[in-house]
């Protein structure tokens, strides 16, 4: 029997070049013969891979989730990579199953958690994946605070969750001793932006400079009005001293149109008597002392110290 991949795909049974044996309607003997003819390979029992299909990390991950069966999902670093949270793909796929499962898969990291319930499973790129809130809790079990903090910011930027949502998830599943919950609690407690949602990667890094160099905490995205008309919303500001601080990430400010709007906004603010300080990605990431010194100098001048 020749496997009709086109028909299986039309029926919605093929995902990323894979099909489950039961969905293909093949007997074990038919699978064996298809394998001998070079039509398929078998990454895991019950999962068939179409010969010539691109071998990707996503395909390996889906094969592992399908092979696990039951309630199973991509998790930890694999889930964070699928959600595009700035986390590198692990060398081996990471999946999560419920704690009563006794499962071993070749070259797959299998985690067990009673927090894995259907309501906390989403589908990303056709792969059952832990909800981003659960992903963040679990990520702390296999990665340090730096990685988790970056993932938190990326998720906030993408509007996958809120800080309140993360705290609620911790209250629900992050009991003491559970892997990952302590790391996420630490990250949230030390987050320089508090509960605010950033627009880009640079704002959280800038917020840390205020704390790192002992500067007064600036107001995040304070709205400036002139006679009741909205003028601008600087990234950070000291409203009482009329100091505005802008951080220019390339992804947001890297086009001629964006640059034009930036200067128009700056001109409008300065006409109202504000001092505007601008710092680039290079300044914030490579010259934080330079940034802090300029802010401190502006604070002294404006406050008359």
Foldseek 3Di string as FASTA:
>chain_A
DDQPVVVLVVVVQDAQQKHFCVSSVDDPVRVVVCVVVVQWDQQAPRMTGGRPRDDDLVVQQQSVQVNQDDQKFFAAQRLLVLVVLVGDDDPATEMEDAPVDDDDHPRYHYHHDPVRDPVQWDAGSNTTHGQLLVRLQQNQLPDALVSSLSSVLSCLLVVSDFPVSNVVVCVVGVDPPPRRSVSVVVSQVPQLVNRDHDNDDLLSLLSVLCVVVVHPRWDAQDWDADPNHTQGGARTHDVVLQEGEHEDECVQQVDPVSVVVVVSSVVVSVVVVHHYHYHYPCCSPPPSVVVVVVVVVSVCVSVVD
